[in-house]
């Protein structure tokens, strides 16, 4: 399946290739950065204007709560 996305800045539609998707980390403040809490986001660069298009947030997997 081939998926096209539209750039929010210039409006160019381009194919989303697996090779062009990368991950970025977004820190929210100094305290969260020191504690290691940050969002991991998939992103891709627009081939026309080179701006960064954010695709989606990756959620962290949590261990299930132990039952008593």
C-alpha atoms as a PDB file:
ATOM      1  CA  UNK A   1       0.000   0.000   0.000  1.00  0.00           C
ATOM      2  CA  UNK A   2       1.340   3.407  -0.960  1.00  0.00           C
ATOM      3  CA  UNK A   3       0.405   6.279   1.304  1.00  0.00           C
ATOM      4  CA  UNK A   4       0.634   9.938   0.360  1.00  0.00           C
ATOM      5  CA  UNK A   5       0.891  12.756   2.874  1.00  0.00           C
ATOM      6  CA  UNK A   6       0.442  16.492   2.370  1.00  0.00           C
ATOM      7  CA  UNK A   7       2.943  19.048   3.620  1.00  0.00           C
ATOM      8  CA  UNK A   8       1.355  21.544   6.027  1.00  0.00           C
ATOM      9  CA  UNK A   9       3.562  24.426   4.820  1.00  0.00           C
ATOM     10  CA  UNK A  10       3.682  24.228   1.021  1.00  0.00           C
ATOM     11  CA  UNK A  11       0.821  21.789   0.265  1.00  0.00           C
ATOM     12  CA  UNK A  12       2.959  19.341  -1.740  1.00  0.00           C
ATOM     13  CA  UNK A  13       1.721  15.734  -1.739  1.00  0.00           C
ATOM     14  CA  UNK A  14       4.466  13.100  -1.592  1.00  0.00           C
ATOM     15  CA  UNK A  15       4.780   9.367  -1.082  1.00  0.00           C
ATOM     16  CA  UNK A  16       5.645   8.140   2.375  1.00  0.00           C
ATOM     17  CA  UNK A  17       8.663   5.847   1.986  1.00  0.00           C
ATOM     18  CA  UNK A  18       9.937   3.621   4.778  1.00  0.00           C
ATOM     19  CA  UNK A  19      13.511   4.788   4.173  1.00  0.00           C
ATOM     20  CA  UNK A  20      12.609   8.458   4.700  1.00  0.00           C
ATOM     21  CA  UNK A  21      10.843   8.051   8.083  1.00  0.00           C
ATOM     22  CA  UNK A  22      12.955   8.752  11.178  1.00  0.00           C
ATOM     23  CA  UNK A  23      12.299   9.216  14.894  1.00  0.00           C
ATOM     24  CA  UNK A  24      12.743  12.398  16.917  1.00  0.00           C
ATOM     25  CA  UNK A  25      12.552  13.030  20.662  1.00  0.00           C
ATOM     26  CA  UNK A  26      10.650  15.966  22.111  1.00  0.00           C
ATOM     27  CA  UNK A  27      11.555  17.059  25.641  1.00  0.00           C
ATOM     28  CA  UNK A  28       9.079  19.057  27.707  1.00  0.00           C
ATOM     29  CA  UNK A  29      11.020  21.228  30.113  1.00  0.00           C
ATOM     30  CA  UNK A  30      14.190  20.762  32.083  1.00  0.00           C
ATOM     31  CA  UNK A  31      12.730  18.552  34.820  1.00  0.00           C
ATOM     32  CA  UNK A  32      11.217  16.045  32.371  1.00  0.00           C
ATOM     33  CA  UNK A  33      14.436  16.019  30.327  1.00  0.00           C
ATOM     34  CA  UNK A  34      16.459  15.159  33.440  1.00  0.00           C
ATOM     35  CA  UNK A  35      14.009  12.408  34.422  1.00  0.00           C
ATOM     36  CA  UNK A  36      14.188  10.903  30.929  1.00  0.00           C
ATOM     37  CA  UNK A  37      10.550  11.508  30.071  1.00  0.00           C
ATOM     38  CA  UNK A  38      10.184  12.571  26.458  1.00  0.00           C
ATOM     39  CA  UNK A  39       7.889  11.891  23.512  1.00  0.00           C
ATOM     40  CA  UNK A  40       9.209   9.795  20.629  1.00  0.00           C
ATOM     41  CA  UNK A  41       7.679  10.929  17.336  1.00  0.00           C
ATOM     42  CA  UNK A  42       7.927   9.567  13.790  1.00  0.00           C
ATOM     43  CA  UNK A  43       8.752  12.299  11.272  1.00  0.00           C
ATOM     44  CA  UNK A  44       9.622  12.813   7.610  1.00  0.00           C
ATOM     45  CA  UNK A  45      11.086  15.764   5.662  1.00  0.00           C
ATOM     46  CA  UNK A  46       9.142  17.371   2.815  1.00  0.00           C
ATOM     47  CA  UNK A  47      11.050  16.927  -0.483  1.00  0.00           C
ATOM     48  CA  UNK A  48       9.881  20.319  -1.763  1.00  0.00           C
ATOM     49  CA  UNK A  49      10.414  22.771   1.119  1.00  0.00           C
ATOM     50  CA  UNK A  50      12.452  20.568   3.540  1.00  0.00           C
ATOM     51  CA  UNK A  51      10.192  21.244   6.526  1.00  0.00           C
ATOM     52  CA  UNK A  52       9.601  18.501   9.086  1.00  0.00           C
ATOM     53  CA  UNK A  53       6.253  16.674   8.981  1.00  0.00           C
ATOM     54  CA  UNK A  54       5.332  14.903  12.227  1.00  0.00           C
ATOM     55  CA  UNK A  55       3.495  11.643  11.584  1.00  0.00           C
ATOM     56  CA  UNK A  56       2.612  10.232  14.988  1.00  0.00           C
ATOM     57  CA  UNK A  57       3.663   9.749  18.604  1.00  0.00           C
ATOM     58  CA  UNK A  58       5.133   6.395  19.610  1.00  0.00           C
ATOM     59  CA  UNK A  59       3.744   5.199  22.914  1.00  0.00           C
ATOM     60  CA  UNK A  60       5.983   3.383  25.368  1.00  0.00           C
ATOM     61  CA  UNK A  61       5.089  -0.145  26.336  1.00  0.00           C
ATOM     62  CA  UNK A  62       4.352  -0.553  30.027  1.00  0.00           C
ATOM     63  CA  UNK A  63       4.620  -3.719  32.062  1.00  0.00           C
ATOM     64  CA  UNK A  64       1.280  -5.064  33.317  1.00  0.00           C
ATOM     65  CA  UNK A  65       0.450  -4.429  36.963  1.00  0.00           C
ATOM     66  CA  UNK A  66       1.115  -7.440  39.206  1.00  0.00           C
ATOM     67  CA  UNK A  67      -1.959  -9.121  40.660  1.00  0.00           C
ATOM     68  CA  UNK A  68      -2.148  -9.885  44.347  1.00  0.00           C
END
